């Protein structure tokens, strides 16, 4: 019966348009999808056809079908139940597009900790990114840290910085993000009102205004960790004035590689740590909506385009 499964997946068929289409089942153990998460930042770049040609290969996700720009099957926040093999009956997280059934190598599956529900585990890929950013930032107890951009990754960066004992403020131009900061026990500031000088600024807003703000609020010899990804957009920066005399640093962060300072970690152990960091139920505030898989194609572009969207959960039958 399992071999008669004809999987369906969410395909981006052209700019701002998606539908459900047949997809390859793949090879390995069979997994039934429970939830997947729409990672708005990256998927918006894909949906808008803004992946630069130079990044076509580096941007490929595991299980991707099609090519950039379109049509393409893309996504990487998947929680499912294993239907065969040594992990049969177990709930797992893996990096895979939005698809109802698929086969995958068992070594790409990460068991959910007992106290992390499947509904929250869709945040694991974003938590993994935030963890890598925090490593790149080399955060220390007592440091003054600003995180600019209160999307999912930014909020998780602020959450981790607070956990490491930093004095943190989460900054966003959207005042509605104050409620997210409050749920996580983090100070919030509107981008127009943020005050002070910060030793470390993590920038996740994917806007030149946000990066310009980071330069303005950094203290002398401050670090700006640039964690946004701009696709094929060009960013203008105010690198005149006091940028050099204040000896500021702009440091890129990307989850594809583990920092050299954490060479004792593997990709697998980093992901397992990310899952363990999801035990806190307050993180449920980062899931801003849920849609059934059969209906998601009709609202996908609207979900991506809505600035209030954090992580949107797709529910599979």
Protein backbone atom coordinates (compact mmCIF):
# COMPACT_ATOMS: atom_id res chain seq x y z
CA UNK A 1 0.00 0.00 0.00
CA UNK A 2 2.83 2.38 0.88
CA UNK A 3 4.36 1.95 -2.57
CA UNK A 4 1.09 3.13 -4.13
CA UNK A 5 1.40 6.54 -2.43
CA UNK A 6 1.40 9.38 -4.92
CA UNK A 7 2.87 12.33 -3.04
CA UNK A 8 1.87 15.94 -3.59
CA UNK A 9 3.97 18.99 -2.86
CA UNK A 10 3.64 22.75 -2.86
CA UNK A 11 5.29 24.11 -6.01
CA UNK A 12 6.08 27.74 -6.78
CA UNK A 13 5.13 27.78 -10.44
CA UNK A 14 5.83 31.43 -11.23
CA UNK A 15 6.42 34.68 -9.41
CA UNK A 16 3.82 35.07 -6.64
CA UNK A 17 1.95 31.88 -7.64
CA UNK A 18 1.92 28.38 -6.15
CA UNK A 19 -0.11 25.19 -6.45
CA UNK A 20 -0.14 21.55 -5.35
CA UNK A 21 1.39 19.19 -7.88
CA UNK A 22 2.70 15.61 -7.94
CA UNK A 23 6.23 15.18 -6.60
CA UNK A 24 8.87 12.48 -6.43
CA UNK A 25 8.73 10.15 -3.45
CA UNK A 26 12.52 9.86 -3.25
CA UNK A 27 14.50 7.04 -1.65
CA UNK A 28 15.07 5.93 1.92
CA UNK A 29 12.60 5.41 4.75
CA UNK A 30 9.02 6.58 4.30
CA UNK A 31 7.88 9.62 6.28
CA UNK A 32 4.33 10.95 6.68
CA UNK A 33 4.27 14.72 7.14
CA UNK A 34 2.63 16.13 10.26
CA UNK A 35 3.54 19.82 10.05
CA UNK A 36 5.83 22.00 8.00
CA UNK A 37 6.68 25.64 8.54
CA UNK A 38 6.83 28.48 6.04
CA UNK A 39 10.09 30.29 6.65
CA UNK A 40 8.92 33.67 5.41
CA UNK A 41 12.25 35.42 4.83
CA UNK A 42 13.91 32.89 2.55
CA UNK A 43 10.72 31.65 0.92
CA UNK A 44 9.78 35.24 0.05
CA UNK A 45 13.05 35.59 -1.89
CA UNK A 46 12.26 32.34 -3.74
CA UNK A 47 8.61 33.29 -4.39
CA UNK A 48 9.69 36.67 -5.79
CA UNK A 49 12.26 35.07 -8.11
CA UNK A 50 15.08 36.96 -6.39
CA UNK A 51 17.61 34.14 -5.95
CA UNK A 52 20.78 35.28 -7.76
CA UNK A 53 22.02 32.89 -10.44
CA UNK A 54 25.37 32.73 -8.62
CA UNK A 55 23.55 31.18 -5.63
CA UNK A 56 21.40 28.62 -7.46
CA UNK A 57 23.46 25.67 -6.23
CA UNK A 58 24.19 26.94 -2.71
CA UNK A 59 20.51 27.72 -2.22
CA UNK A 60 19.30 24.25 -3.17
CA UNK A 61 17.47 22.56 -0.33
CA UNK A 62 17.44 18.83 0.28
CA UNK A 63 14.55 17.25 -1.60
CA UNK A 64 14.19 20.22 -3.95
CA UNK A 65 12.73 19.54 -7.37
CA UNK A 66 12.80 22.01 -10.21
CA UNK A 67 15.21 24.89 -10.59
CA UNK A 68 15.34 28.55 -9.64
CA UNK A 69 13.53 30.56 -10.54
CA UNK A 70 10.42 28.51 -11.56
CA UNK A 71 8.87 26.03 -11.23
CA UNK A 72 10.47 24.89 -7.98
CA UNK A 73 9.54 22.85 -4.91
CA UNK A 74 11.19 24.53 -1.96
CA UNK A 75 11.12 24.50 1.86
CA UNK A 76 13.11 23.24 4.84
CA UNK A 77 11.02 23.08 8.04
CA UNK A 78 9.42 19.63 8.17
CA UNK A 79 8.14 17.47 11.04
CA UNK A 80 6.85 13.99 10.30
CA UNK A 81 6.29 10.46 11.52
CA UNK A 82 8.57 7.69 10.28
CA UNK A 83 6.54 4.80 8.87
CA UNK A 84 9.27 2.15 8.51
CA UNK A 85 12.79 1.21 9.53
CA UNK A 86 14.47 1.50 12.94
CA UNK A 87 12.70 4.79 13.68
CA UNK A 88 9.23 3.55 12.80
CA UNK A 89 6.56 5.37 14.82
CA UNK A 90 8.93 8.16 15.89
CA UNK A 91 8.38 11.86 15.27
CA UNK A 92 11.30 13.58 13.58
CA UNK A 93 12.45 16.91 12.20
CA UNK A 94 14.19 17.14 8.84
CA UNK A 95 15.00 19.67 6.15
CA UNK A 96 12.49 19.00 3.38
CA UNK A 97 10.01 20.97 1.21
CA UNK A 98 6.25 21.14 1.84
CA UNK A 99 5.12 17.64 0.80
CA UNK A 100 2.68 15.13 2.30
CA UNK A 101 4.78 11.92 2.00
CA UNK A 102 8.44 11.44 1.12
CA UNK A 103 11.33 9.04 1.44
CA UNK A 104 14.61 10.17 2.95
CA UNK A 105 17.87 8.74 4.22
CA UNK A 106 17.51 7.85 7.90
CA UNK A 107 20.67 9.75 8.80
CA UNK A 108 18.94 13.01 7.82
CA UNK A 109 16.24 12.57 10.47
CA UNK A 110 16.45 14.16 13.92
CA UNK A 111 14.36 12.71 16.74
CA UNK A 112 12.18 15.20 18.55
CA UNK A 113 12.97 15.51 22.27
CA UNK A 114 10.11 14.13 24.35
CA UNK A 115 9.11 17.59 25.60
CA UNK A 116 9.15 19.35 22.23
CA UNK A 117 5.76 18.98 20.49
CA UNK A 118 5.61 18.53 16.71
CA UNK A 119 3.65 21.78 16.43
CA UNK A 120 6.63 23.75 17.82
CA UNK A 121 9.41 21.66 16.29
CA UNK A 122 8.85 23.35 12.91
CA UNK A 123 10.94 26.21 14.39
CA UNK A 124 14.05 23.99 14.49
CA UNK A 125 15.61 25.27 11.26
CA UNK A 126 15.15 28.88 12.40
CA UNK A 127 16.56 28.04 15.83
CA UNK A 128 19.55 26.39 14.17
CA UNK A 129 20.15 29.60 12.20
CA UNK A 130 19.82 31.73 15.34
CA UNK A 131 22.22 29.44 17.20
CA UNK A 132 24.81 29.81 14.45
CA UNK A 133 24.36 33.60 14.50
CA UNK A 134 24.89 33.67 18.26
CA UNK A 135 28.12 31.72 17.77
CA UNK A 136 29.29 34.19 15.11
CA UNK A 137 28.45 37.06 17.48
CA UNK A 138 30.53 35.53 20.29
CA UNK A 139 28.01 36.78 22.84
CA UNK A 140 29.11 37.19 26.45
CA UNK A 141 27.32 37.71 29.73
CA UNK A 142 26.64 41.37 30.45
CA UNK A 143 27.18 42.63 26.90
CA UNK A 144 24.72 45.18 25.55
CA UNK A 145 23.09 43.57 22.51
CA UNK A 146 20.52 44.90 20.06
CA UNK A 147 18.73 42.64 17.61
CA UNK A 148 17.25 44.58 14.69
CA UNK A 149 14.37 42.78 13.00
CA UNK A 150 11.79 40.92 15.09
CA UNK A 151 10.96 38.17 12.65
CA UNK A 152 11.37 34.55 13.75
CA UNK A 153 15.16 34.43 13.42
CA UNK A 154 15.61 37.84 15.04
CA UNK A 155 13.33 36.96 17.95
CA UNK A 156 15.19 33.67 18.44
CA UNK A 157 18.54 35.50 18.37
CA UNK A 158 17.29 37.83 21.11
CA UNK A 159 15.99 34.84 23.07
CA UNK A 160 19.38 33.11 22.91
CA UNK A 161 21.27 36.31 23.77
CA UNK A 162 19.10 36.75 26.85
CA UNK A 163 19.70 33.11 27.79
CA UNK A 164 23.46 33.76 27.62
CA UNK A 165 23.17 36.66 30.05
CA UNK A 166 23.38 39.59 27.65
CA UNK A 167 21.39 42.80 28.12
CA UNK A 168 19.13 42.58 25.08
CA UNK A 169 16.72 44.84 23.25
CA UNK A 170 14.69 43.61 20.27
CA UNK A 171 14.15 46.37 17.71
CA UNK A 172 11.54 46.58 14.98
CA UNK A 173 9.59 49.28 13.15
CA UNK A 174 6.39 47.24 13.59
CA UNK A 175 4.96 48.06 17.05
CA UNK A 176 2.97 44.82 17.02
CA UNK A 177 6.24 42.96 17.57
CA UNK A 178 6.27 44.32 21.13
CA UNK A 179 3.87 41.53 22.12
CA UNK A 180 6.31 38.91 20.81
CA UNK A 181 9.14 40.44 22.82
CA UNK A 182 6.92 40.50 25.91
CA UNK A 183 6.05 36.80 25.52
CA UNK A 184 9.78 36.03 25.42
CA UNK A 185 10.62 38.33 28.34
CA UNK A 186 12.75 40.65 26.20
CA UNK A 187 12.85 44.45 26.10
CA UNK A 188 11.41 45.95 22.92
CA UNK A 189 12.06 49.23 21.14
CA UNK A 190 10.64 50.82 18.04
CA UNK A 191 13.42 51.45 15.52
CA UNK A 192 12.73 55.19 15.75
CA UNK A 193 13.20 55.25 19.51
CA UNK A 194 16.05 52.82 20.25
CA UNK A 195 18.72 54.52 22.33
CA UNK A 196 22.15 53.66 23.63
CA UNK A 197 25.37 52.21 22.29
CA UNK A 198 25.64 48.47 21.81
CA UNK A 199 28.67 46.20 21.77
CA UNK A 200 26.97 43.69 19.49
CA UNK A 201 24.16 44.32 17.01
CA UNK A 202 22.55 41.40 15.19
CA UNK A 203 20.79 42.55 12.05
CA UNK A 204 18.01 40.36 10.59
CA UNK A 205 15.59 42.84 8.98
CA UNK A 206 16.92 42.44 5.41
CA UNK A 207 16.66 46.20 4.88
CA UNK A 208 19.29 48.84 4.30
CA UNK A 209 17.47 51.05 6.81
CA UNK A 210 17.96 48.40 9.48
CA UNK A 211 21.62 47.97 8.67
CA UNK A 212 22.10 51.74 8.69
CA UNK A 213 20.51 51.85 12.14
CA UNK A 214 22.91 49.14 13.31
CA UNK A 215 25.87 51.32 12.29
CA UNK A 216 24.40 54.28 14.17
CA UNK A 217 23.85 52.51 17.49
CA UNK A 218 27.08 50.50 17.61
CA UNK A 219 29.58 51.63 20.21
CA UNK A 220 33.26 52.11 19.34
CA UNK A 221 34.74 48.81 18.06
CA UNK A 222 31.23 47.37 18.04
CA UNK A 223 30.30 44.35 15.96
CA UNK A 224 27.40 44.27 13.49
CA UNK A 225 26.52 40.68 12.65
CA UNK A 226 24.71 40.75 9.30
CA UNK A 227 22.37 37.76 9.27
CA UNK A 228 19.96 38.99 6.60
CA UNK A 229 19.95 37.63 3.09
CA UNK A 230 19.10 40.06 0.32
CA UNK A 231 18.90 37.78 -2.70
CA UNK A 232 19.74 39.82 -5.78
CA UNK A 233 19.16 43.22 -4.14
CA UNK A 234 21.89 45.84 -3.75
CA UNK A 235 22.23 47.57 -0.38
CA UNK A 236 23.52 51.13 0.08
CA UNK A 237 25.40 51.74 3.33
CA UNK A 238 26.63 54.93 5.04
CA UNK A 239 30.26 53.86 5.39
CA UNK A 240 31.58 57.40 5.52
CA UNK A 241 31.30 59.68 8.56
CA UNK A 242 32.59 57.91 11.68
CA UNK A 243 32.44 54.32 10.43
CA UNK A 244 36.24 53.95 10.21
CA UNK A 245 37.23 56.16 13.12
CA UNK A 246 34.92 54.14 15.39
CA UNK A 247 36.51 50.93 14.08
CA UNK A 248 33.19 49.16 13.52
CA UNK A 249 33.06 45.61 12.19
CA UNK A 250 30.44 44.10 9.87
CA UNK A 251 30.50 40.31 10.09
CA UNK A 252 28.47 38.03 7.85
CA UNK A 253 26.64 35.04 9.30
CA UNK A 254 25.18 32.17 7.30
CA UNK A 255 23.94 28.85 8.59
CA UNK A 256 25.52 26.82 5.79
CA UNK A 257 28.83 26.62 7.67
CA UNK A 258 29.68 26.22 11.34
CA UNK A 259 32.07 28.92 12.64
CA UNK A 260 35.69 27.83 12.97
CA UNK A 261 35.48 28.63 16.67
CA UNK A 262 32.93 25.78 17.00
CA UNK A 263 34.87 23.19 15.03
CA UNK A 264 33.98 20.51 17.61
CA UNK A 265 30.33 20.71 16.49
CA UNK A 266 28.84 18.89 13.51
CA UNK A 267 25.79 19.88 11.46
CA UNK A 268 23.90 17.03 13.11
CA UNK A 269 24.84 17.95 16.68
CA UNK A 270 23.99 21.60 16.00
CA UNK A 271 20.51 20.61 14.81
CA UNK A 272 19.96 18.37 17.82
CA UNK A 273 20.92 21.27 20.08
CA UNK A 274 18.49 23.53 18.21
CA UNK A 275 15.69 21.04 18.89
CA UNK A 276 16.56 20.90 22.59
CA UNK A 277 16.36 24.70 22.75
CA UNK A 278 12.69 24.51 21.72
CA UNK A 279 11.48 23.09 25.04
CA UNK A 280 10.20 26.49 26.20
CA UNK A 281 6.47 26.85 25.50
CA UNK A 282 6.79 30.65 25.26
CA UNK A 283 8.30 30.07 21.80
CA UNK A 284 4.83 29.11 20.56
CA UNK A 285 4.24 32.85 20.06
CA UNK A 286 6.48 32.66 16.98
CA UNK A 287 3.91 30.54 15.12
CA UNK A 288 1.49 33.14 13.79
CA UNK A 289 -1.02 30.98 11.91
CA UNK A 290 -1.92 27.57 10.54
CA UNK A 291 -3.38 26.35 7.24
CA UNK A 292 -4.25 22.89 5.99
CA UNK A 293 -1.98 21.49 3.28
CA UNK A 294 -4.82 21.11 0.79
CA UNK A 295 -5.67 24.82 1.11
CA UNK A 296 -2.23 26.38 1.46
CA UNK A 297 -1.53 26.96 -2.25
CA UNK A 298 -4.42 29.44 -2.48
CA UNK A 299 -3.06 31.59 0.35
CA UNK A 300 0.71 30.99 0.06
CA UNK A 301 1.59 34.32 -1.59
CA UNK A 302 -0.68 36.18 0.84
CA UNK A 303 0.97 34.48 3.84
CA UNK A 304 4.43 35.33 2.51
CA UNK A 305 3.46 38.91 1.70
CA UNK A 306 1.85 39.67 5.06
CA UNK A 307 4.29 41.59 7.25
CA UNK A 308 2.55 40.20 10.35
CA UNK A 309 3.49 36.62 9.43
CA UNK A 310 6.12 34.99 11.62
CA UNK A 311 6.33 31.23 11.09
CA UNK A 312 3.17 29.93 9.41
CA UNK A 313 2.38 26.29 10.09
CA UNK A 314 1.08 23.89 7.44
CA UNK A 315 -1.02 21.05 8.86
CA UNK A 316 -1.13 17.69 7.04
CA UNK A 317 -3.98 15.19 7.38
